[in-house]
Amino acid sequence: MQNPKDPASVPADPGFKLPGADSAPADKPPKDANGTVTTPAPIEVAPLAGAPVTDTSSRDLAIGGAVFLVLLIVYFFVRNAYVHHLVVKRVAPSTAGSAGWLMFVGLSFVSAAAVLAIINASKFLTFGITVPLVLVGLVALGAALFVGRR
């Protein structure tokens, strides 16, 4: 048996070898210097930088839906407070109600775009999805401020 610590017993490196020449047969696993069986490490494939990732798990969608639902509940209370604030400022109740609902819709659309972008940016943060949501949201928020004036 060869001793790897003794330089005289280790054969000299023959240099370049062609694959398959003087290699272990395919049916026997490769062995190291101690005679133990070695297995090659599994190859890990890293995703390419900038490559679109379109897989969105149902867990991510459920968490995003729950966050959006909580935001809608919060926005409903914010809407009621805004309507009350406008009525105290002597705005007609019907006008204040309309302004409140416009604010609710605006906040909902903007937060829907944000939640979708957080769930899967490569799939939902596109021109065709994000821009209409944000645009409708901002128009509704602007209309809420305009309608809420006296």
C-alpha atoms as a PDB file:
ATOM      1  CA  MET A   1       0.000   0.000   0.000  1.00  0.00           C
ATOM      2  CA  GLN A   2       1.226   3.499  -0.788  1.00  0.00           C
ATOM      3  CA  ASN A   3       1.875   6.022   1.957  1.00  0.00           C
ATOM      4  CA  PRO A   4       0.820   9.514   0.789  1.00  0.00           C
ATOM      5  CA  LYS A   5       3.205  11.164   3.281  1.00  0.00           C
ATOM      6  CA  ASP A   6       6.261   9.407   1.860  1.00  0.00           C
ATOM      7  CA  PRO A   7       7.229  11.149  -1.411  1.00  0.00           C
ATOM      8  CA  ALA A   8       9.103   8.086  -2.664  1.00  0.00           C
ATOM      9  CA  SER A   9       5.993   5.886  -2.565  1.00  0.00           C
ATOM     10  CA  VAL A  10       3.720   8.352  -4.394  1.00  0.00           C
ATOM     11  CA  PRO A  11       3.922   7.874  -8.174  1.00  0.00           C
ATOM     12  CA  ALA A  12       4.894  10.901 -10.206  1.00  0.00           C
ATOM     13  CA  ASP A  13       2.095  12.782 -11.924  1.00  0.00           C
ATOM     14  CA  PRO A  14       1.948  11.435 -15.454  1.00  0.00           C
ATOM     15  CA  GLY A  15       0.533  14.731 -16.707  1.00  0.00           C
ATOM     16  CA  PHE A  16      -2.377  14.997 -19.092  1.00  0.00           C
ATOM     17  CA  LYS A  17      -4.537  11.923 -19.590  1.00  0.00           C
ATOM     18  CA  LEU A  18      -7.408  11.380 -21.943  1.00  0.00           C
ATOM     19  CA  PRO A  19     -10.728  10.647 -20.256  1.00  0.00           C
ATOM     20  CA  GLY A  20     -11.338   6.926 -20.036  1.00  0.00           C
ATOM     21  CA  ALA A  21      -7.668   5.967 -20.314  1.00  0.00           C
ATOM     22  CA  ASP A  22      -6.405   4.337 -17.107  1.00  0.00           C
ATOM     23  CA  SER A  23      -9.477   5.348 -15.182  1.00  0.00           C
ATOM     24  CA  ALA A  24     -11.550   3.254 -12.824  1.00  0.00           C
ATOM     25  CA  PRO A  25     -14.158   1.084 -14.488  1.00  0.00           C
ATOM     26  CA  ALA A  26     -17.615   2.614 -14.678  1.00  0.00           C
ATOM     27  CA  ASP A  27     -19.182  -0.062 -12.488  1.00  0.00           C
ATOM     28  CA  LYS A  28     -16.841   0.640  -9.542  1.00  0.00           C
ATOM     29  CA  PRO A  29     -17.118   3.908  -7.609  1.00  0.00           C
ATOM     30  CA  PRO A  30     -13.995   6.103  -7.437  1.00  0.00           C
ATOM     31  CA  LYS A  31     -11.756   5.758  -4.367  1.00  0.00           C
ATOM     32  CA  ASP A  32      -9.386   8.210  -2.698  1.00  0.00           C
ATOM     33  CA  ALA A  33      -5.805   7.518  -1.517  1.00  0.00           C
ATOM     34  CA  ASN A  34      -7.032   5.780   1.658  1.00  0.00           C
ATOM     35  CA  GLY A  35      -9.218   3.392  -0.297  1.00  0.00           C
ATOM     36  CA  THR A  36     -12.524   4.910   0.825  1.00  0.00           C
ATOM     37  CA  VAL A  37     -15.271   5.402  -1.705  1.00  0.00           C
ATOM     38  CA  THR A  38     -15.751   9.008  -2.750  1.00  0.00           C
ATOM     39  CA  THR A  39     -18.746  10.525  -4.420  1.00  0.00           C
ATOM     40  CA  PRO A  40     -18.648  13.774  -6.315  1.00  0.00           C
ATOM     41  CA  ALA A  41     -20.453  16.714  -4.784  1.00  0.00           C
ATOM     42  CA  PRO A  42     -23.813  17.481  -6.340  1.00  0.00           C
ATOM     43  CA  ILE A  43     -23.793  20.303  -8.822  1.00  0.00           C
ATOM     44  CA  GLU A  44     -25.780  23.298  -7.670  1.00  0.00           C
ATOM     45  CA  VAL A  45     -27.262  25.408 -10.411  1.00  0.00           C
ATOM     46  CA  ALA A  46     -27.545  29.065  -9.517  1.00  0.00           C
ATOM     47  CA  PRO A  47     -30.240  31.104 -11.281  1.00  0.00           C
ATOM     48  CA  LEU A  48     -29.006  33.594 -13.808  1.00  0.00           C
ATOM     49  CA  ALA A  49     -28.959  37.180 -12.685  1.00  0.00           C
ATOM     50  CA  GLY A  50     -31.870  39.018 -14.259  1.00  0.00           C
ATOM     51  CA  ALA A  51     -33.606  35.870 -15.442  1.00  0.00           C
ATOM     52  CA  PRO A  52     -37.374  36.055 -14.998  1.00  0.00           C
ATOM     53  CA  VAL A  53     -38.664  33.890 -12.172  1.00  0.00           C
ATOM     54  CA  THR A  54     -42.286  33.047 -12.801  1.00  0.00           C
ATOM     55  CA  ASP A  55     -42.921  30.443 -10.130  1.00  0.00           C
ATOM     56  CA  THR A  56     -45.105  31.906  -7.411  1.00  0.00           C
ATOM     57  CA  SER A  57     -45.966  29.455  -4.699  1.00  0.00           C
ATOM     58  CA  SER A  58     -49.442  29.261  -3.263  1.00  0.00           C
ATOM     59  CA  ARG A  59     -47.958  30.138   0.143  1.00  0.00           C
ATOM     60  CA  ASP A  60     -46.718  33.470  -1.212  1.00  0.00           C
ATOM     61  CA  LEU A  61     -50.090  34.170  -2.785  1.00  0.00           C
ATOM     62  CA  ALA A  62     -51.908  33.332   0.465  1.00  0.00           C
ATOM     63  CA  ILE A  63     -49.648  35.619   2.501  1.00  0.00           C
ATOM     64  CA  GLY A  64     -50.031  38.414  -0.053  1.00  0.00           C
ATOM     65  CA  GLY A  65     -53.812  37.984  -0.073  1.00  0.00           C
ATOM     66  CA  ALA A  66     -53.941  38.115   3.727  1.00  0.00           C
ATOM     67  CA  VAL A  67     -51.811  41.272   3.781  1.00  0.00           C
ATOM     68  CA  PHE A  68     -54.040  42.873   1.158  1.00  0.00           C
ATOM     69  CA  LEU A  69     -57.179  41.944   3.113  1.00  0.00           C
ATOM     70  CA  VAL A  70     -55.743  43.487   6.284  1.00  0.00           C
ATOM     71  CA  LEU A  71     -54.911  46.629   4.305  1.00  0.00           C
ATOM     72  CA  LEU A  72     -58.478  46.820   2.986  1.00  0.00           C
ATOM     73  CA  ILE A  73     -59.836  46.630   6.530  1.00  0.00           C
ATOM     74  CA  VAL A  74     -57.461  49.372   7.658  1.00  0.00           C
ATOM     75  CA  TYR A  75     -58.404  51.510   4.635  1.00  0.00           C
ATOM     76  CA  PHE A  76     -62.082  51.127   5.490  1.00  0.00           C
ATOM     77  CA  PHE A  77     -61.472  52.643   8.923  1.00  0.00           C
ATOM     78  CA  VAL A  78     -59.308  55.364   7.353  1.00  0.00           C
ATOM     79  CA  ARG A  79     -62.163  56.087   4.924  1.00  0.00           C
ATOM     80  CA  ASN A  80     -64.626  56.475   7.798  1.00  0.00           C
ATOM     81  CA  ALA A  81     -62.255  58.827   9.620  1.00  0.00           C
ATOM     82  CA  TYR A  82     -61.750  60.889   6.439  1.00  0.00           C
ATOM     83  CA  VAL A  83     -65.498  61.161   5.868  1.00  0.00           C
ATOM     84  CA  HIS A  84     -65.998  62.235   9.477  1.00  0.00           C
ATOM     85  CA  HIS A  85     -63.218  64.804   9.109  1.00  0.00           C
ATOM     86  CA  LEU A  86     -64.842  66.252   5.990  1.00  0.00           C
ATOM     87  CA  VAL A  87     -68.277  66.408   7.613  1.00  0.00           C
ATOM     88  CA  VAL A  88     -66.787  68.266  10.581  1.00  0.00           C
ATOM     89  CA  LYS A  89     -65.281  70.736   8.081  1.00  0.00           C
ATOM     90  CA  ARG A  90     -68.851  71.424   6.835  1.00  0.00           C
ATOM     91  CA  VAL A  91     -68.668  69.376   3.633  1.00  0.00           C
ATOM     92  CA  ALA A  92     -71.987  67.845   2.570  1.00  0.00           C
ATOM     93  CA  PRO A  93     -72.295  64.251   3.827  1.00  0.00           C
ATOM     94  CA  SER A  94     -72.938  62.837   0.341  1.00  0.00           C
ATOM     95  CA  THR A  95     -69.888  64.628  -1.059  1.00  0.00           C
ATOM     96  CA  ALA A  96     -67.804  63.518   1.923  1.00  0.00           C
ATOM     97  CA  GLY A  97     -68.974  59.922   1.400  1.00  0.00           C
ATOM     98  CA  SER A  98     -68.007  60.051  -2.283  1.00  0.00           C
ATOM     99  CA  ALA A  99     -64.597  61.469  -1.431  1.00  0.00           C
ATOM    100  CA  GLY A 100     -64.134  58.754   1.189  1.00  0.00           C
ATOM    101  CA  TRP A 101     -64.930  55.969  -1.246  1.00  0.00           C
ATOM    102  CA  LEU A 102     -62.629  57.476  -3.868  1.00  0.00           C
ATOM    103  CA  MET A 103     -59.840  57.544  -1.295  1.00  0.00           C
ATOM    104  CA  PHE A 104     -60.577  53.900  -0.380  1.00  0.00           C
ATOM    105  CA  VAL A 105     -60.419  52.841  -4.043  1.00  0.00           C
ATOM    106  CA  GLY A 106     -57.225  54.815  -4.638  1.00  0.00           C
ATOM    107  CA  LEU A 107     -55.430  53.343  -1.644  1.00  0.00           C
ATOM    108  CA  SER A 108     -56.662  49.863  -2.566  1.00  0.00           C
ATOM    109  CA  PHE A 109     -55.353  50.023  -6.126  1.00  0.00           C
ATOM    110  CA  VAL A 110     -51.965  51.412  -5.115  1.00  0.00           C
ATOM    111  CA  SER A 111     -51.554  48.802  -2.383  1.00  0.00           C
ATOM    112  CA  ALA A 112     -52.645  46.031  -4.782  1.00  0.00           C
ATOM    113  CA  ALA A 113     -49.816  47.046  -7.115  1.00  0.00           C
ATOM    114  CA  ALA A 114     -47.370  47.077  -4.195  1.00  0.00           C
ATOM    115  CA  VAL A 115     -48.469  43.677  -2.857  1.00  0.00           C
ATOM    116  CA  LEU A 116     -48.270  42.085  -6.315  1.00  0.00           C
ATOM    117  CA  ALA A 117     -44.808  43.535  -6.825  1.00  0.00           C
ATOM    118  CA  ILE A 118     -43.665  42.115  -3.499  1.00  0.00           C
ATOM    119  CA  ILE A 119     -45.162  38.677  -4.174  1.00  0.00           C
ATOM    120  CA  ASN A 120     -43.334  38.161  -7.479  1.00  0.00           C
ATOM    121  CA  ALA A 121     -41.671  41.196  -9.005  1.00  0.00           C
ATOM    122  CA  SER A 122     -40.577  39.472 -12.198  1.00  0.00           C
ATOM    123  CA  LYS A 123     -44.100  38.321 -12.969  1.00  0.00           C
ATOM    124  CA  PHE A 124     -46.312  41.168 -11.711  1.00  0.00           C
ATOM    125  CA  LEU A 125     -44.053  44.232 -11.882  1.00  0.00           C
ATOM    126  CA  THR A 126     -44.675  44.744 -15.576  1.00  0.00           C
ATOM    127  CA  PHE A 127     -45.986  47.672 -17.569  1.00  0.00           C
ATOM    128  CA  GLY A 128     -49.290  45.966 -18.317  1.00  0.00           C
ATOM    129  CA  ILE A 129     -50.114  45.174 -14.685  1.00  0.00           C
ATOM    130  CA  THR A 130     -48.484  47.798 -12.473  1.00  0.00           C
ATOM    131  CA  VAL A 131     -49.073  50.961 -14.501  1.00  0.00           C
ATOM    132  CA  PRO A 132     -52.889  50.620 -14.767  1.00  0.00           C
ATOM    133  CA  LEU A 133     -53.200  49.798 -11.059  1.00  0.00           C
ATOM    134  CA  VAL A 134     -51.049  52.728  -9.972  1.00  0.00           C
ATOM    135  CA  LEU A 135     -52.633  55.087 -12.509  1.00  0.00           C
ATOM    136  CA  VAL A 136     -56.199  54.300 -11.410  1.00  0.00           C
ATOM    137  CA  GLY A 137     -55.129  54.558  -7.772  1.00  0.00           C
ATOM    138  CA  LEU A 138     -53.494  57.951  -8.192  1.00  0.00           C
ATOM    139  CA  VAL A 139     -56.432  59.302 -10.215  1.00  0.00           C
ATOM    140  CA  ALA A 140     -58.852  58.138  -7.514  1.00  0.00           C
ATOM    141  CA  LEU A 141     -56.728  59.719  -4.768  1.00  0.00           C
ATOM    142  CA  GLY A 142     -56.576  62.975  -6.713  1.00  0.00           C
ATOM    143  CA  ALA A 143     -60.335  62.877  -7.255  1.00  0.00           C
ATOM    144  CA  ALA A 144     -60.869  62.220  -3.528  1.00  0.00           C
ATOM    145  CA  LEU A 145     -58.913  65.360  -2.661  1.00  0.00           C
ATOM    146  CA  PHE A 146     -60.728  67.364  -5.346  1.00  0.00           C
ATOM    147  CA  VAL A 147     -64.228  66.146  -4.419  1.00  0.00           C
ATOM    148  CA  GLY A 148     -63.518  66.607  -0.710  1.00  0.00           C
ATOM    149  CA  ARG A 149     -63.068  70.350  -1.088  1.00  0.00           C
ATOM    150  CA  ARG A 150     -65.963  72.614  -0.253  1.00  0.00           C
END
